[in-house]
N, C-alpha and C. Protein backbone atom coordinates (compact mmCIF):
# COMPACT_ATOMS: atom_id res chain seq x y z
N MET A 1 224.43 277.14 -6.85
CA MET A 1 223.59 277.61 -7.93
C MET A 1 222.14 277.68 -7.44
N PRO A 2 221.49 278.83 -7.52
CA PRO A 2 220.12 278.95 -7.03
C PRO A 2 219.13 278.18 -7.90
N THR A 3 218.09 277.68 -7.26
CA THR A 3 217.05 276.96 -7.97
C THR A 3 216.06 277.95 -8.55
N ALA A 4 215.66 277.75 -9.80
CA ALA A 4 214.69 278.64 -10.44
C ALA A 4 213.33 278.45 -9.79
N THR A 5 212.67 279.55 -9.48
CA THR A 5 211.32 279.50 -8.93
C THR A 5 210.44 280.47 -9.69
N LEU A 6 209.15 280.24 -9.58
CA LEU A 6 208.15 281.10 -10.20
C LEU A 6 207.30 281.72 -9.10
N THR A 7 206.72 282.87 -9.37
CA THR A 7 205.89 283.54 -8.38
C THR A 7 204.52 283.82 -8.94
N GLY A 8 203.55 283.92 -8.03
CA GLY A 8 202.19 284.24 -8.41
C GLY A 8 201.41 284.62 -7.18
N ILE A 9 200.14 284.96 -7.38
CA ILE A 9 199.27 285.36 -6.28
C ILE A 9 198.01 284.51 -6.34
N CYS A 10 197.62 283.93 -5.20
CA CYS A 10 196.40 283.15 -5.13
C CYS A 10 195.21 284.08 -5.42
N PRO A 11 194.35 283.73 -6.37
CA PRO A 11 193.21 284.59 -6.69
C PRO A 11 192.14 284.62 -5.60
N GLU A 12 192.19 283.69 -4.66
CA GLU A 12 191.20 283.64 -3.59
C GLU A 12 191.64 284.42 -2.36
N CYS A 13 192.82 284.09 -1.82
CA CYS A 13 193.26 284.70 -0.55
C CYS A 13 194.37 285.73 -0.74
N GLU A 14 194.83 285.90 -1.99
CA GLU A 14 195.86 286.88 -2.35
C GLU A 14 197.21 286.64 -1.67
N THR A 15 197.49 285.39 -1.31
CA THR A 15 198.78 285.02 -0.75
C THR A 15 199.83 285.03 -1.87
N ASP A 16 201.00 285.59 -1.58
CA ASP A 16 202.11 285.53 -2.53
C ASP A 16 202.66 284.10 -2.54
N LEU A 17 202.76 283.51 -3.71
CA LEU A 17 203.20 282.13 -3.85
C LEU A 17 204.54 282.08 -4.56
N THR A 18 205.41 281.21 -4.11
CA THR A 18 206.68 280.92 -4.79
C THR A 18 206.73 279.41 -4.95
N VAL A 19 206.81 278.97 -6.20
CA VAL A 19 206.77 277.53 -6.49
C VAL A 19 207.93 277.14 -7.41
N PRO A 20 208.31 275.87 -7.38
CA PRO A 20 209.33 275.40 -8.33
C PRO A 20 208.75 275.47 -9.75
N PRO A 21 209.57 275.33 -10.76
CA PRO A 21 209.09 275.42 -12.14
C PRO A 21 207.90 274.49 -12.40
N VAL A 22 206.86 275.06 -13.01
CA VAL A 22 205.66 274.33 -13.39
C VAL A 22 205.33 274.68 -14.84
N VAL A 23 204.42 273.93 -15.43
CA VAL A 23 204.00 274.18 -16.81
C VAL A 23 202.52 274.53 -16.85
N GLU A 24 202.10 275.14 -17.94
CA GLU A 24 200.69 275.49 -18.11
C GLU A 24 199.83 274.24 -17.99
N GLY A 25 198.72 274.37 -17.27
CA GLY A 25 197.81 273.25 -17.08
C GLY A 25 198.06 272.47 -15.81
N GLU A 26 199.22 272.65 -15.20
CA GLU A 26 199.54 271.94 -13.96
C GLU A 26 198.72 272.52 -12.81
N THR A 27 198.39 271.69 -11.83
CA THR A 27 197.63 272.16 -10.68
C THR A 27 198.41 271.95 -9.39
N PHE A 28 198.11 272.80 -8.40
CA PHE A 28 198.68 272.66 -7.07
C PHE A 28 197.75 273.37 -6.09
N SER A 29 197.97 273.16 -4.81
CA SER A 29 197.12 273.76 -3.78
C SER A 29 197.81 274.96 -3.15
N CYS A 30 197.02 275.99 -2.87
CA CYS A 30 197.52 277.14 -2.14
C CYS A 30 197.79 276.69 -0.70
N PRO A 31 198.97 276.95 -0.16
CA PRO A 31 199.27 276.50 1.21
C PRO A 31 198.48 277.26 2.27
N GLU A 32 197.93 278.41 1.93
CA GLU A 32 197.19 279.22 2.90
C GLU A 32 195.71 278.84 2.96
N CYS A 33 195.02 278.85 1.81
CA CYS A 33 193.57 278.60 1.80
C CYS A 33 193.21 277.20 1.30
N MET A 34 194.21 276.44 0.83
CA MET A 34 194.04 275.06 0.35
C MET A 34 193.22 274.96 -0.93
N LEU A 35 192.99 276.05 -1.61
CA LEU A 35 192.27 276.05 -2.88
C LEU A 35 193.14 275.41 -3.96
N THR A 36 192.54 274.62 -4.83
CA THR A 36 193.28 274.04 -5.95
C THR A 36 193.38 275.08 -7.05
N LEU A 37 194.60 275.31 -7.52
CA LEU A 37 194.87 276.31 -8.54
C LEU A 37 195.44 275.65 -9.78
N ARG A 38 195.07 276.18 -10.95
CA ARG A 38 195.60 275.70 -12.22
C ARG A 38 196.46 276.82 -12.82
N VAL A 39 197.60 276.44 -13.38
CA VAL A 39 198.48 277.41 -14.03
C VAL A 39 197.92 277.69 -15.43
N ASP A 40 197.47 278.94 -15.64
CA ASP A 40 196.96 279.35 -16.95
C ASP A 40 198.09 279.77 -17.88
N ALA A 41 199.08 280.47 -17.31
CA ALA A 41 200.20 280.96 -18.14
C ALA A 41 201.42 281.17 -17.26
N VAL A 42 202.59 281.06 -17.91
CA VAL A 42 203.86 281.36 -17.25
C VAL A 42 204.58 282.35 -18.15
N ARG A 43 204.79 283.57 -17.62
CA ARG A 43 205.46 284.60 -18.42
C ARG A 43 206.45 285.34 -17.54
N ASP A 44 207.69 285.38 -17.97
CA ASP A 44 208.75 286.12 -17.27
C ASP A 44 208.83 285.78 -15.79
N GLY A 45 208.68 284.51 -15.45
CA GLY A 45 208.79 284.08 -14.06
C GLY A 45 207.55 284.33 -13.22
N ARG A 46 206.47 284.83 -13.84
CA ARG A 46 205.21 285.09 -13.12
C ARG A 46 204.14 284.12 -13.60
N LEU A 47 203.36 283.64 -12.64
CA LEU A 47 202.27 282.71 -12.95
C LEU A 47 200.95 283.44 -13.03
N THR A 48 200.13 283.05 -13.99
CA THR A 48 198.73 283.46 -14.03
C THR A 48 197.96 282.25 -13.56
N LEU A 49 197.23 282.40 -12.44
CA LEU A 49 196.57 281.27 -11.80
C LEU A 49 195.05 281.40 -11.87
N GLU A 50 194.39 280.26 -11.95
CA GLU A 50 192.92 280.20 -12.00
C GLU A 50 192.45 279.20 -10.95
N MET A 51 191.34 279.53 -10.29
CA MET A 51 190.76 278.60 -9.32
C MET A 51 190.17 277.41 -10.08
N VAL A 52 190.34 276.22 -9.53
CA VAL A 52 189.75 275.03 -10.11
C VAL A 52 188.47 274.73 -9.35
N GLU A 53 187.37 274.64 -10.07
CA GLU A 53 186.10 274.33 -9.42
C GLU A 53 186.09 272.86 -9.04
N VAL A 54 185.87 272.61 -7.76
CA VAL A 54 185.88 271.24 -7.26
C VAL A 54 184.47 270.68 -7.35
N GLN A 55 184.33 269.58 -8.03
CA GLN A 55 183.04 268.91 -8.16
C GLN A 55 182.93 267.85 -7.08
N LEU A 56 181.97 268.00 -6.20
CA LEU A 56 181.75 267.00 -5.16
C LEU A 56 180.82 265.92 -5.69
N ARG A 57 181.06 264.71 -5.26
CA ARG A 57 180.21 263.60 -5.71
C ARG A 57 178.86 263.67 -5.04
N ASP A 58 177.85 263.36 -5.80
CA ASP A 58 176.49 263.28 -5.26
C ASP A 58 176.25 261.80 -4.95
N TRP A 59 176.22 261.49 -3.67
CA TRP A 59 176.04 260.11 -3.25
C TRP A 59 174.57 259.72 -3.14
N GLY A 60 173.66 260.62 -3.55
CA GLY A 60 172.24 260.29 -3.55
C GLY A 60 171.64 260.26 -2.16
N GLN A 61 172.20 260.99 -1.24
CA GLN A 61 171.68 260.97 0.13
C GLN A 61 170.87 262.21 0.40
């Protein structure tokens, strides 16, 4: 029995992504550019992905 997968495209590097089932709001990293992506929507096996802005800590240096 095949495992269900979802597909999407990284908004940064345009890599085709195939991932196991995820839910809206879940995050994962693009294996190509390492950008953190958030799942905005899942429709008909296709993901709508958004880049997550990474906040770096200000260590006061």
